[in-house]
Amino acid sequence: MSSNFKAISIGELLIDFVSTTIDVPLGECPGFHKAPGGAPANVAVGLAKLGAKAGFIGKVGDDPFGHFLRKTLVENGVEVEGLIFDDYARTTLAFVANRSDGRKEIIFYRNPGADIRLRPEEIDKGYVASADLLHFGSVSLSHSPSREATIRAVEIARDSGAMISYDPNLRLALWDRAEDARQWIWELMPMADVAKLAEEEWEFITGTDDLESGSGRILEMGVKLVVVTRGERGCYFNNGKVQGYLDGFKVDVVDPLGAGDGFVAAMLYAIMERDLGSRLDDLDEDDLREVMTFANAAGALATQQVGVIPSLPTRDEIEAFLKTHSIVRANLV
């Protein structure tokens, strides 16, 4: 089944070298599995696999890794007319050590990486304006000129009436200063309709460990729906009208990397497919429970293989999963 909405992601596309062992420090890992990655690119693939028309805007090195990444997007049904090869910088690499509690140790090789060399003048206004949904994160905000390129794309999409999705995806190692990360993450918050954050980054970004007060602050910025992913414990949601928790699904985790991206792709797909984007702040418990259950199932399925992109589920896989796993009603606050 396909959907007639168009979704574009902008940001980083890179190679994740994921440790082949769990709970081993990065420097002691005996081996790594090469996997295409980058949160916005993962979301684009996730949307394409679910049936949306998906595209990606970003920059990779004109090197073997960059060409491998382009090929991966194409093979997964993602439009690549917005993907540019850089003849100066190489494709960014990340080495990842996973822990059984879901946390990750990550070191990036980006000095500079091609991803942060995307320039505002390289943003195709007509292409961005063709999107019904634009998704972005904060990694591309960490340095110029990709910061200005991202802001330009978001402004074009907003002006054309697209829904804007924002996943800060905090990676402090990529910022020169922690305070810069916090500043720019908040600078772009008012431009988003949906903001999804991970529980482990919540306190740094919002200044509180309380989900209700922190999400209230984000809603005050003009965001219409705030969602917090909580690993195996599911998610929290707040649209100013309804807030609550929805339990996650219990699965044996193979690789937790990318569960959040699978969640985001499925959440956005469910919102767009049900035509809920124009009334995010008026959705009731049933609407939100449906969307978040679908997203939780995708997040669980995304942990079942090594590497993010291979593990992102199709709509049929999510629906089959839901038939064999009980749906828990939302616990409203």
C-alpha atoms as a PDB file:
ATOM      1  CA  MET A   1       0.000   0.000   0.000  1.00  0.00           C
ATOM      2  CA  SER A   2       1.282   3.468  -0.809  1.00  0.00           C
ATOM      3  CA  SER A   3       0.343   6.914   0.424  1.00  0.00           C
ATOM      4  CA  ASN A   4       0.056  10.067  -1.602  1.00  0.00           C
ATOM      5  CA  PHE A   5       1.918  12.428   0.728  1.00  0.00           C
ATOM      6  CA  LYS A   6       5.519  13.486   0.106  1.00  0.00           C
ATOM      7  CA  ALA A   7       8.054  13.597   2.918  1.00  0.00           C
ATOM      8  CA  ILE A   8      11.546  15.080   2.738  1.00  0.00           C
ATOM      9  CA  SER A   9      14.292  14.738   5.350  1.00  0.00           C
ATOM     10  CA  ILE A  10      17.310  17.028   5.538  1.00  0.00           C
ATOM     11  CA  GLY A  11      20.506  16.446   7.486  1.00  0.00           C
ATOM     12  CA  GLU A  12      23.249  13.889   7.955  1.00  0.00           C
ATOM     13  CA  LEU A  13      23.826  10.683   6.026  1.00  0.00           C
ATOM     14  CA  LEU A  14      26.814   8.733   7.302  1.00  0.00           C
ATOM     15  CA  ILE A  15      28.312   5.329   8.011  1.00  0.00           C
ATOM     16  CA  ASP A  16      27.751   3.753  11.427  1.00  0.00           C
ATOM     17  CA  PHE A  17      30.367   1.202  12.434  1.00  0.00           C
ATOM     18  CA  VAL A  18      28.379  -0.669  15.075  1.00  0.00           C
ATOM     19  CA  SER A  19      30.145  -2.875  17.624  1.00  0.00           C
ATOM     20  CA  THR A  20      29.550  -6.585  17.196  1.00  0.00           C
ATOM     21  CA  THR A  21      29.488  -7.041  20.978  1.00  0.00           C
ATOM     22  CA  ILE A  22      27.203  -5.531  23.642  1.00  0.00           C
ATOM     23  CA  ASP A  23      28.408  -3.845  26.854  1.00  0.00           C
ATOM     24  CA  VAL A  24      32.035  -3.554  25.715  1.00  0.00           C
ATOM     25  CA  PRO A  25      33.701  -0.084  25.788  1.00  0.00           C
ATOM     26  CA  LEU A  26      34.327   1.363  22.335  1.00  0.00           C
ATOM     27  CA  GLY A  27      38.104   1.106  22.544  1.00  0.00           C
ATOM     28  CA  GLU A  28      37.888  -2.579  23.426  1.00  0.00           C
ATOM     29  CA  CYS A  29      35.344  -3.681  20.815  1.00  0.00           C
ATOM     30  CA  PRO A  30      36.829  -6.556  18.762  1.00  0.00           C
ATOM     31  CA  GLY A  31      34.871  -5.795  15.614  1.00  0.00           C
ATOM     32  CA  PHE A  32      32.329  -3.557  13.916  1.00  0.00           C
ATOM     33  CA  HIS A  33      29.488  -3.980  11.437  1.00  0.00           C
ATOM     34  CA  LYS A  34      29.293  -1.337   8.675  1.00  0.00           C
ATOM     35  CA  ALA A  35      25.791   0.143   8.428  1.00  0.00           C
ATOM     36  CA  PRO A  36      24.317   3.152   6.622  1.00  0.00           C
ATOM     37  CA  GLY A  37      23.037   5.710   9.109  1.00  0.00           C
ATOM     38  CA  GLY A  38      22.231   9.289  10.007  1.00  0.00           C
ATOM     39  CA  ALA A  39      18.937   9.955  11.783  1.00  0.00           C
ATOM     40  CA  PRO A  40      17.205  12.095   9.111  1.00  0.00           C
ATOM     41  CA  ALA A  41      18.212   9.632   6.380  1.00  0.00           C
ATOM     42  CA  ASN A  42      16.958   6.744   8.499  1.00  0.00           C
ATOM     43  CA  VAL A  43      13.600   8.477   8.868  1.00  0.00           C
ATOM     44  CA  ALA A  44      13.408   9.018   5.090  1.00  0.00           C
ATOM     45  CA  VAL A  45      14.017   5.301   4.507  1.00  0.00           C
ATOM     46  CA  GLY A  46      11.536   4.396   7.234  1.00  0.00           C
ATOM     47  CA  LEU A  47       8.849   6.507   5.564  1.00  0.00           C
ATOM     48  CA  ALA A  48       9.634   5.048   2.136  1.00  0.00           C
ATOM     49  CA  LYS A  49       9.409   1.494   3.469  1.00  0.00           C
ATOM     50  CA  LEU A  50       6.015   2.331   4.974  1.00  0.00           C
ATOM     51  CA  GLY A  51       4.731   3.540   1.609  1.00  0.00           C
ATOM     52  CA  ALA A  52       5.305   7.302   1.589  1.00  0.00           C
ATOM     53  CA  LYS A  53       6.989   9.237  -1.221  1.00  0.00           C
ATOM     54  CA  ALA A  54      10.246  10.075   0.522  1.00  0.00           C
ATOM     55  CA  GLY A  55      13.239  12.185  -0.400  1.00  0.00           C
ATOM     56  CA  PHE A  56      16.507  13.165   1.261  1.00  0.00           C
ATOM     57  CA  ILE A  57      18.572  16.361   1.146  1.00  0.00           C
ATOM     58  CA  GLY A  58      22.168  16.270   2.330  1.00  0.00           C
ATOM     59  CA  LYS A  59      25.820  15.951   1.382  1.00  0.00           C
ATOM     60  CA  VAL A  60      28.264  13.039   1.415  1.00  0.00           C
ATOM     61  CA  GLY A  61      31.873  12.704   0.289  1.00  0.00           C
ATOM     62  CA  ASP A  62      32.699  11.745  -3.281  1.00  0.00           C
ATOM     63  CA  ASP A  63      34.244   8.558  -1.909  1.00  0.00           C
ATOM     64  CA  PRO A  64      33.327   4.861  -1.696  1.00  0.00           C
ATOM     65  CA  PHE A  65      31.264   5.389   1.450  1.00  0.00           C
ATOM     66  CA  GLY A  66      29.334   8.289  -0.093  1.00  0.00           C
ATOM     67  CA  HIS A  67      28.481   6.275  -3.195  1.00  0.00           C
ATOM     68  CA  PHE A  68      27.481   3.306  -1.027  1.00  0.00           C
ATOM     69  CA  LEU A  69      25.095   5.553   0.914  1.00  0.00           C
ATOM     70  CA  ARG A  70      23.493   6.960  -2.240  1.00  0.00           C
ATOM     71  CA  LYS A  71      22.997   3.438  -3.549  1.00  0.00           C
ATOM     72  CA  THR A  72      21.412   2.410  -0.243  1.00  0.00           C
ATOM     73  CA  LEU A  73      18.871   5.242  -0.400  1.00  0.00           C
ATOM     74  CA  VAL A  74      17.981   4.422  -3.994  1.00  0.00           C
ATOM     75  CA  GLU A  75      17.575   0.724  -3.204  1.00  0.00           C
ATOM     76  CA  ASN A  76      15.179   1.650  -0.409  1.00  0.00           C
ATOM     77  CA  GLY A  77      13.000   3.871  -2.576  1.00  0.00           C
ATOM     78  CA  VAL A  78      14.220   7.280  -1.405  1.00  0.00           C
ATOM     79  CA  GLU A  79      14.587  10.127  -3.918  1.00  0.00           C
ATOM     80  CA  VAL A  80      18.181  11.371  -4.050  1.00  0.00           C
ATOM     81  CA  GLU A  81      17.933  14.461  -6.230  1.00  0.00           C
ATOM     82  CA  GLY A  82      18.765  16.506  -3.131  1.00  0.00           C
ATOM     83  CA  LEU A  83      21.855  14.435  -2.264  1.00  0.00           C
ATOM     84  CA  ILE A  84      25.120  16.138  -3.254  1.00  0.00           C
ATOM     85  CA  PHE A  85      28.649  14.716  -3.500  1.00  0.00           C
ATOM     86  CA  ASP A  86      31.364  16.885  -1.969  1.00  0.00           C
ATOM     87  CA  ASP A  87      34.774  16.808  -3.623  1.00  0.00           C
ATOM     88  CA  TYR A  88      36.605  18.250  -0.607  1.00  0.00           C
ATOM     89  CA  ALA A  89      35.453  16.532   2.587  1.00  0.00           C
ATOM     90  CA  ARG A  90      34.931  12.846   3.168  1.00  0.00           C
ATOM     91  CA  THR A  91      31.773  11.089   4.276  1.00  0.00           C
ATOM     92  CA  THR A  92      31.267  11.323   8.030  1.00  0.00           C
ATOM     93  CA  LEU A  93      31.813   8.127  10.035  1.00  0.00           C
ATOM     94  CA  ALA A  94      30.514   7.119  13.472  1.00  0.00           C
ATOM     95  CA  PHE A  95      31.743   4.292  15.660  1.00  0.00           C
ATOM     96  CA  VAL A  96      29.058   2.988  18.003  1.00  0.00           C
ATOM     97  CA  ALA A  97      29.237   0.714  21.060  1.00  0.00           C
ATOM     98  CA  ASN A  98      25.834  -0.466  22.286  1.00  0.00           C
ATOM     99  CA  ARG A  99      24.830  -1.227  25.851  1.00  0.00           C
ATOM    100  CA  SER A 100      22.090  -3.592  26.964  1.00  0.00           C
ATOM    101  CA  ASP A 101      20.269  -0.703  28.691  1.00  0.00           C
ATOM    102  CA  GLY A 102      19.815   0.978  25.305  1.00  0.00           C
ATOM    103  CA  ARG A 103      22.439   3.679  25.793  1.00  0.00           C
ATOM    104  CA  LYS A 104      25.238   4.158  23.281  1.00  0.00           C
ATOM    105  CA  GLU A 105      28.874   5.252  23.209  1.00  0.00           C
ATOM    106  CA  ILE A 106      29.542   7.106  19.954  1.00  0.00           C
ATOM    107  CA  ILE A 107      32.652   8.678  18.449  1.00  0.00           C
ATOM    108  CA  PHE A 108      32.349  10.659  15.205  1.00  0.00           C
ATOM    109  CA  TYR A 109      35.024  11.159  12.556  1.00  0.00           C
ATOM    110  CA  ARG A 110      34.149  14.508  11.004  1.00  0.00           C
ATOM    111  CA  ASN A 111      36.952  17.029  10.488  1.00  0.00           C
ATOM    112  CA  PRO A 112      35.077  18.380   8.697  1.00  0.00           C
ATOM    113  CA  GLY A 113      32.591  15.828   7.403  1.00  0.00           C
ATOM    114  CA  ALA A 114      30.843  16.361   4.089  1.00  0.00           C
ATOM    115  CA  ASP A 115      27.460  16.534   5.867  1.00  0.00           C
ATOM    116  CA  ILE A 116      28.151  19.955   7.408  1.00  0.00           C
ATOM    117  CA  ARG A 117      29.242  21.452   4.058  1.00  0.00           C
ATOM    118  CA  LEU A 118      25.715  21.614   2.615  1.00  0.00           C
ATOM    119  CA  ARG A 119      25.162  25.266   1.658  1.00  0.00           C
ATOM    120  CA  PRO A 120      21.914  27.270   1.669  1.00  0.00           C
ATOM    121  CA  GLU A 121      22.266  28.061  -2.041  1.00  0.00           C
ATOM    122  CA  GLU A 122      22.270  24.305  -2.728  1.00  0.00           C
ATOM    123  CA  ILE A 123      18.722  23.981  -1.381  1.00  0.00           C
ATOM    124  CA  ASP A 124      16.279  23.613  -4.284  1.00  0.00           C
ATOM    125  CA  LYS A 125      13.326  25.789  -3.306  1.00  0.00           C
ATOM    126  CA  GLY A 126      10.902  24.090  -5.696  1.00  0.00           C
ATOM    127  CA  TYR A 127      11.835  20.632  -4.471  1.00  0.00           C
ATOM    128  CA  VAL A 128      11.435  21.536  -0.783  1.00  0.00           C
ATOM    129  CA  ALA A 129       8.149  23.321  -1.490  1.00  0.00           C
ATOM    130  CA  SER A 130       6.801  20.109  -3.041  1.00  0.00           C
ATOM    131  CA  ALA A 131       6.864  18.362   0.353  1.00  0.00           C
ATOM    132  CA  ASP A 132       3.842  17.808   2.578  1.00  0.00           C
ATOM    133  CA  LEU A 133       6.212  17.000   5.444  1.00  0.00           C
ATOM    134  CA  LEU A 134       9.766  18.115   6.240  1.00  0.00           C
ATOM    135  CA  HIS A 135      11.794  16.334   8.910  1.00  0.00           C
ATOM    136  CA  PHE A 136      15.081  17.597  10.381  1.00  0.00           C
ATOM    137  CA  GLY A 137      17.345  17.266  13.421  1.00  0.00           C
ATOM    138  CA  SER A 138      19.975  19.284  15.265  1.00  0.00           C
ATOM    139  CA  VAL A 139      23.145  17.560  14.011  1.00  0.00           C
ATOM    140  CA  SER A 140      23.036  19.684  10.850  1.00  0.00           C
ATOM    141  CA  LEU A 141      22.666  22.779  13.053  1.00  0.00           C
ATOM    142  CA  SER A 142      26.005  22.204  14.790  1.00  0.00           C
ATOM    143  CA  HIS A 143      28.114  24.053  12.202  1.00  0.00           C
ATOM    144  CA  SER A 144      27.863  26.413   9.245  1.00  0.00           C
ATOM    145  CA  PRO A 145      26.983  26.233   6.424  1.00  0.00           C
ATOM    146  CA  SER A 146      24.698  23.209   7.014  1.00  0.00           C
ATOM    147  CA  ARG A 147      23.000  25.182   9.811  1.00  0.00           C
ATOM    148  CA  GLU A 148      21.911  27.905   7.404  1.00  0.00           C
ATOM    149  CA  ALA A 149      20.971  25.322   4.751  1.00  0.00           C
ATOM    150  CA  THR A 150      18.730  23.509   7.234  1.00  0.00           C
ATOM    151  CA  ILE A 151      17.060  26.726   8.371  1.00  0.00           C
ATOM    152  CA  ARG A 152      16.445  27.745   4.753  1.00  0.00           C
ATOM    153  CA  ALA A 153      14.796  24.398   3.983  1.00  0.00           C
ATOM    154  CA  VAL A 154      12.594  24.605   7.089  1.00  0.00           C
ATOM    155  CA  GLU A 155      11.522  28.157   6.223  1.00  0.00           C
ATOM    156  CA  ILE A 156      10.646  27.171   2.643  1.00  0.00           C
ATOM    157  CA  ALA A 157       8.649  24.161   3.839  1.00  0.00           C
ATOM    158  CA  ARG A 158       6.764  26.197   6.452  1.00  0.00           C
ATOM    159  CA  ASP A 159       5.928  28.899   3.923  1.00  0.00           C
ATOM    160  CA  SER A 160       4.554  26.247   1.565  1.00  0.00           C
ATOM    161  CA  GLY A 161       2.300  24.784   4.255  1.00  0.00           C
ATOM    162  CA  ALA A 162       4.199  21.574   5.026  1.00  0.00           C
ATOM    163  CA  MET A 163       4.095  19.941   8.443  1.00  0.00           C
ATOM    164  CA  ILE A 164       7.474  20.292  10.183  1.00  0.00           C
ATOM    165  CA  SER A 165       8.920  17.464  12.264  1.00  0.00           C
ATOM    166  CA  TYR A 166      11.922  17.992  14.543  1.00  0.00           C
ATOM    167  CA  ASP A 167      14.021  15.379  16.334  1.00  0.00           C
ATOM    168  CA  PRO A 168      16.911  17.186  18.071  1.00  0.00           C
ATOM    169  CA  ASN A 169      18.819  13.868  18.342  1.00  0.00           C
ATOM    170  CA  LEU A 170      21.401  15.390  20.682  1.00  0.00           C
ATOM    171  CA  ARG A 171      25.001  14.452  19.868  1.00  0.00           C
ATOM    172  CA  LEU A 172      27.114  16.729  22.076  1.00  0.00           C
ATOM    173  CA  ALA A 173      30.386  15.360  20.669  1.00  0.00           C
ATOM    174  CA  LEU A 174      29.595  17.103  17.370  1.00  0.00           C
ATOM    175  CA  TRP A 175      29.201  20.558  18.914  1.00  0.00           C
ATOM    176  CA  ASP A 176      32.014  22.914  19.848  1.00  0.00           C
ATOM    177  CA  ARG A 177      30.258  23.813  23.106  1.00  0.00           C
ATOM    178  CA  ALA A 178      27.339  22.249  24.973  1.00  0.00           C
ATOM    179  CA  GLU A 179      25.678  25.640  25.404  1.00  0.00           C
ATOM    180  CA  ASP A 180      25.713  26.107  21.618  1.00  0.00           C
ATOM    181  CA  ALA A 181      23.786  22.861  21.230  1.00  0.00           C
ATOM    182  CA  ARG A 182      21.147  23.931  23.717  1.00  0.00           C
ATOM    183  CA  GLN A 183      20.842  27.390  22.160  1.00  0.00           C
ATOM    184  CA  TRP A 184      20.379  26.179  18.582  1.00  0.00           C
ATOM    185  CA  ILE A 185      18.059  23.338  19.537  1.00  0.00           C
ATOM    186  CA  TRP A 186      15.727  25.890  21.138  1.00  0.00           C
ATOM    187  CA  GLU A 187      16.249  28.417  18.343  1.00  0.00           C
ATOM    188  CA  LEU A 188      14.565  26.058  15.876  1.00  0.00           C
ATOM    189  CA  MET A 189      11.891  24.706  18.234  1.00  0.00           C
ATOM    190  CA  PRO A 190       9.236  27.336  17.313  1.00  0.00           C
ATOM    191  CA  MET A 191       9.463  26.245  13.669  1.00  0.00           C
ATOM    192  CA  ALA A 192       8.299  22.684  14.439  1.00  0.00           C
ATOM    193  CA  ASP A 193       4.789  21.258  14.555  1.00  0.00           C
ATOM    194  CA  VAL A 194       5.936  17.935  16.039  1.00  0.00           C
ATOM    195  CA  ALA A 195       8.949  17.611  18.341  1.00  0.00           C
ATOM    196  CA  LYS A 196      10.231  14.170  19.323  1.00  0.00           C
ATOM    197  CA  LEU A 197      12.933  13.908  21.978  1.00  0.00           C
ATOM    198  CA  ALA A 198      14.602  10.930  23.659  1.00  0.00           C
ATOM    199  CA  GLU A 199      14.324  10.578  27.408  1.00  0.00           C
ATOM    200  CA  GLU A 200      18.114  10.497  27.860  1.00  0.00           C
ATOM    201  CA  GLU A 201      18.486  13.955  26.286  1.00  0.00           C
ATOM    202  CA  TRP A 202      15.399  15.447  27.933  1.00  0.00           C
ATOM    203  CA  GLU A 203      16.963  17.009  31.024  1.00  0.00           C
ATOM    204  CA  PHE A 204      19.861  18.582  29.108  1.00  0.00           C
ATOM    205  CA  ILE A 205      17.539  20.162  26.553  1.00  0.00           C
ATOM    206  CA  THR A 206      14.608  21.210  28.776  1.00  0.00           C
ATOM    207  CA  GLY A 207      16.398  21.824  32.084  1.00  0.00           C
ATOM    208  CA  THR A 208      14.077  19.481  33.979  1.00  0.00           C
ATOM    209  CA  ASP A 209      13.601  15.745  34.421  1.00  0.00           C
ATOM    210  CA  ASP A 210       9.833  16.287  34.569  1.00  0.00           C
ATOM    211  CA  LEU A 211       8.160  15.382  31.277  1.00  0.00           C
ATOM    212  CA  GLU A 212       4.999  17.373  31.943  1.00  0.00           C
ATOM    213  CA  SER A 213       6.680  20.704  32.742  1.00  0.00           C
ATOM    214  CA  GLY A 214       9.347  20.264  30.053  1.00  0.00           C
ATOM    215  CA  SER A 215       6.796  19.453  27.361  1.00  0.00           C
ATOM    216  CA  GLY A 216       4.705  22.404  28.532  1.00  0.00           C
ATOM    217  CA  ARG A 217       7.661  24.684  27.866  1.00  0.00           C
ATOM    218  CA  ILE A 218       8.039  23.247  24.350  1.00  0.00           C
ATOM    219  CA  LEU A 219       4.313  23.616  23.635  1.00  0.00           C
ATOM    220  CA  GLU A 220       4.559  27.271  24.682  1.00  0.00           C
ATOM    221  CA  MET A 221       7.053  27.764  21.819  1.00  0.00           C
ATOM    222  CA  GLY A 222       4.301  26.894  19.329  1.00  0.00           C
ATOM    223  CA  VAL A 223       4.960  23.163  18.911  1.00  0.00           C
ATOM    224  CA  LYS A 224       1.646  21.303  18.641  1.00  0.00           C
ATOM    225  CA  LEU A 225       2.703  17.788  19.691  1.00  0.00           C
ATOM    226  CA  VAL A 226       5.602  16.753  21.932  1.00  0.00           C
ATOM    227  CA  VAL A 227       6.632  13.097  22.104  1.00  0.00           C
ATOM    228  CA  VAL A 228       9.328  11.548  24.297  1.00  0.00           C
ATOM    229  CA  THR A 229      10.665   8.081  23.479  1.00  0.00           C
ATOM    230  CA  ARG A 230      11.510   6.006  26.576  1.00  0.00           C
ATOM    231  CA  GLY A 231      13.118   2.869  25.125  1.00  0.00           C
ATOM    232  CA  GLU A 232      11.395  -0.361  26.134  1.00  0.00           C
ATOM    233  CA  ARG A 233       9.057   1.676  28.354  1.00  0.00           C
ATOM    234  CA  GLY A 234       7.329   3.148  25.324  1.00  0.00           C
ATOM    235  CA  CYS A 235       6.620   6.840  25.026  1.00  0.00           C
ATOM    236  CA  TYR A 236       5.096   9.960  26.561  1.00  0.00           C
ATOM    237  CA  PHE A 237       2.993  12.412  24.553  1.00  0.00           C
ATOM    238  CA  ASN A 238       1.487  15.840  25.140  1.00  0.00           C
ATOM    239  CA  ASN A 239      -0.432  18.043  22.696  1.00  0.00           C
ATOM    240  CA  GLY A 240      -1.751  20.500  25.275  1.00  0.00           C
ATOM    241  CA  LYS A 241      -5.143  18.779  25.289  1.00  0.00           C
ATOM    242  CA  VAL A 242      -4.171  15.199  26.168  1.00  0.00           C
ATOM    243  CA  GLN A 243      -1.001  13.895  27.764  1.00  0.00           C
ATOM    244  CA  GLY A 244       0.009  10.470  28.926  1.00  0.00           C
ATOM    245  CA  TYR A 245       2.220   7.408  28.666  1.00  0.00           C
ATOM    246  CA  LEU A 246       1.922   4.396  26.396  1.00  0.00           C
ATOM    247  CA  ASP A 247       3.815   1.224  27.249  1.00  0.00           C
ATOM    248  CA  GLY A 248       6.287  -0.239  24.804  1.00  0.00           C
ATOM    249  CA  PHE A 249       6.326  -3.785  23.440  1.00  0.00           C
ATOM    250  CA  LYS A 250       8.598  -6.391  25.021  1.00  0.00           C
ATOM    251  CA  VAL A 251      11.054  -7.867  22.503  1.00  0.00           C
ATOM    252  CA  ASP A 252      14.529  -9.397  22.654  1.00  0.00           C
ATOM    253  CA  VAL A 253      16.780  -6.621  21.417  1.00  0.00           C
ATOM    254  CA  VAL A 254      19.442  -7.423  18.822  1.00  0.00           C
ATOM    255  CA  ASP A 255      20.563  -3.829  18.130  1.00  0.00           C
ATOM    256  CA  PRO A 256      18.902  -0.798  19.795  1.00  0.00           C
ATOM    257  CA  LEU A 257      20.471   1.707  17.391  1.00  0.00           C
ATOM    258  CA  GLY A 258      17.763   3.305  15.286  1.00  0.00           C
ATOM    259  CA  ALA A 259      14.719   2.332  17.346  1.00  0.00           C
ATOM    260  CA  GLY A 260      13.978   6.031  17.768  1.00  0.00           C
ATOM    261  CA  ASP A 261      14.225   6.650  14.023  1.00  0.00           C
ATOM    262  CA  GLY A 262      11.858   3.753  13.340  1.00  0.00           C
ATOM    263  CA  PHE A 263       9.474   5.237  15.890  1.00  0.00           C
ATOM    264  CA  VAL A 264       9.631   8.692  14.282  1.00  0.00           C
ATOM    265  CA  ALA A 265       9.069   7.403  10.748  1.00  0.00           C
ATOM    266  CA  ALA A 266       6.036   5.380  11.821  1.00  0.00           C
ATOM    267  CA  MET A 267       4.617   8.194  13.948  1.00  0.00           C
ATOM    268  CA  LEU A 268       4.883  10.655  11.055  1.00  0.00           C
ATOM    269  CA  TYR A 269       3.442   8.129   8.627  1.00  0.00           C
ATOM    270  CA  ALA A 270       0.453   7.489  10.910  1.00  0.00           C
ATOM    271  CA  ILE A 271      -0.161  11.216  11.335  1.00  0.00           C
ATOM    272  CA  MET A 272       0.068  11.993   7.627  1.00  0.00           C
ATOM    273  CA  GLU A 273      -1.827   8.937   6.402  1.00  0.00           C
ATOM    274  CA  ARG A 274      -4.707   9.694   8.779  1.00  0.00           C
ATOM    275  CA  ASP A 275      -4.620  13.377   7.745  1.00  0.00           C
ATOM    276  CA  LEU A 276      -4.101  14.491  11.346  1.00  0.00           C
ATOM    277  CA  GLY A 277      -1.367  17.054  10.686  1.00  0.00           C
ATOM    278  CA  SER A 278      -3.681  20.062  10.552  1.00  0.00           C
ATOM    279  CA  ARG A 279      -5.115  19.401  14.034  1.00  0.00           C
ATOM    280  CA  LEU A 280      -2.230  18.017  16.057  1.00  0.00           C
ATOM    281  CA  ASP A 281      -3.117  20.139  19.078  1.00  0.00           C
ATOM    282  CA  ASP A 282      -6.722  18.920  19.005  1.00  0.00           C
ATOM    283  CA  LEU A 283      -6.154  15.156  18.771  1.00  0.00           C
ATOM    284  CA  ASP A 284      -7.963  13.122  21.413  1.00  0.00           C
ATOM    285  CA  GLU A 285      -6.814  10.085  23.375  1.00  0.00           C
ATOM    286  CA  ASP A 286      -7.946   7.579  20.747  1.00  0.00           C
ATOM    287  CA  ASP A 287      -6.124   9.395  17.937  1.00  0.00           C
ATOM    288  CA  LEU A 288      -2.911   9.665  19.918  1.00  0.00           C
ATOM    289  CA  ARG A 289      -3.084   6.092  21.221  1.00  0.00           C
ATOM    290  CA  GLU A 290      -3.468   4.793  17.652  1.00  0.00           C
ATOM    291  CA  VAL A 291      -0.535   6.820  16.358  1.00  0.00           C
ATOM    292  CA  MET A 292       1.753   6.011  19.288  1.00  0.00           C
ATOM    293  CA  THR A 293       0.915   2.291  19.290  1.00  0.00           C
ATOM    294  CA  PHE A 294       1.857   2.086  15.606  1.00  0.00           C
ATOM    295  CA  ALA A 295       5.083   4.015  16.343  1.00  0.00           C
ATOM    296  CA  ASN A 296       5.954   1.886  19.401  1.00  0.00           C
ATOM    297  CA  ALA A 297       5.561  -1.267  17.299  1.00  0.00           C
ATOM    298  CA  ALA A 298       7.914   0.145  14.642  1.00  0.00           C
ATOM    299  CA  GLY A 299      10.453   1.067  17.311  1.00  0.00           C
ATOM    300  CA  ALA A 300      10.358  -2.463  18.711  1.00  0.00           C
ATOM    301  CA  LEU A 301      10.746  -4.039  15.273  1.00  0.00           C
ATOM    302  CA  ALA A 302      13.692  -1.733  14.488  1.00  0.00           C
ATOM    303  CA  THR A 303      15.714  -3.455  17.242  1.00  0.00           C
ATOM    304  CA  GLN A 304      15.490  -6.898  15.644  1.00  0.00           C
ATOM    305  CA  GLN A 305      18.445  -6.681  13.227  1.00  0.00           C
ATOM    306  CA  VAL A 306      21.936  -5.176  13.259  1.00  0.00           C
ATOM    307  CA  GLY A 307      21.996  -1.802  11.531  1.00  0.00           C
ATOM    308  CA  VAL A 308      19.195   0.714  11.326  1.00  0.00           C
ATOM    309  CA  ILE A 309      18.099   0.730   7.685  1.00  0.00           C
ATOM    310  CA  PRO A 310      17.800  -3.056   7.242  1.00  0.00           C
ATOM    311  CA  SER A 311      15.685  -3.257  10.404  1.00  0.00           C
ATOM    312  CA  LEU A 312      13.181  -0.482   9.603  1.00  0.00           C
ATOM    313  CA  PRO A 313       9.794  -2.197   9.189  1.00  0.00           C
ATOM    314  CA  THR A 314       7.192  -2.094   6.437  1.00  0.00           C
ATOM    315  CA  ARG A 315       3.543  -1.364   7.135  1.00  0.00           C
ATOM    316  CA  ASP A 316       2.665  -5.051   6.690  1.00  0.00           C
ATOM    317  CA  GLU A 317       5.314  -6.043   9.224  1.00  0.00           C
ATOM    318  CA  ILE A 318       3.972  -3.559  11.772  1.00  0.00           C
ATOM    319  CA  GLU A 319       0.384  -4.715  11.271  1.00  0.00           C
ATOM    320  CA  ALA A 320       1.416  -8.367  11.600  1.00  0.00           C
ATOM    321  CA  PHE A 321       3.325  -7.527  14.788  1.00  0.00           C
ATOM    322  CA  LEU A 322       0.297  -5.746  16.268  1.00  0.00           C
ATOM    323  CA  LYS A 323      -1.884  -8.792  15.651  1.00  0.00           C
ATOM    324  CA  THR A 324       0.343 -10.896  17.882  1.00  0.00           C
ATOM    325  CA  HIS A 325       1.115  -8.304  20.566  1.00  0.00           C
ATOM    326  CA  SER A 326      -1.436  -6.758  22.889  1.00  0.00           C
ATOM    327  CA  ILE A 327      -2.121  -3.033  22.650  1.00  0.00           C
ATOM    328  CA  VAL A 328      -2.038  -1.261  25.990  1.00  0.00           C
ATOM    329  CA  ARG A 329      -4.291   1.728  26.518  1.00  0.00           C
ATOM    330  CA  ALA A 330      -2.674   5.042  27.235  1.00  0.00           C
ATOM    331  CA  ASN A 331      -2.120   5.929  30.876  1.00  0.00           C
ATOM    332  CA  LEU A 332      -3.291   9.535  30.912  1.00  0.00           C
ATOM    333  CA  VAL A 333      -1.830  12.077  33.280  1.00  0.00           C
END
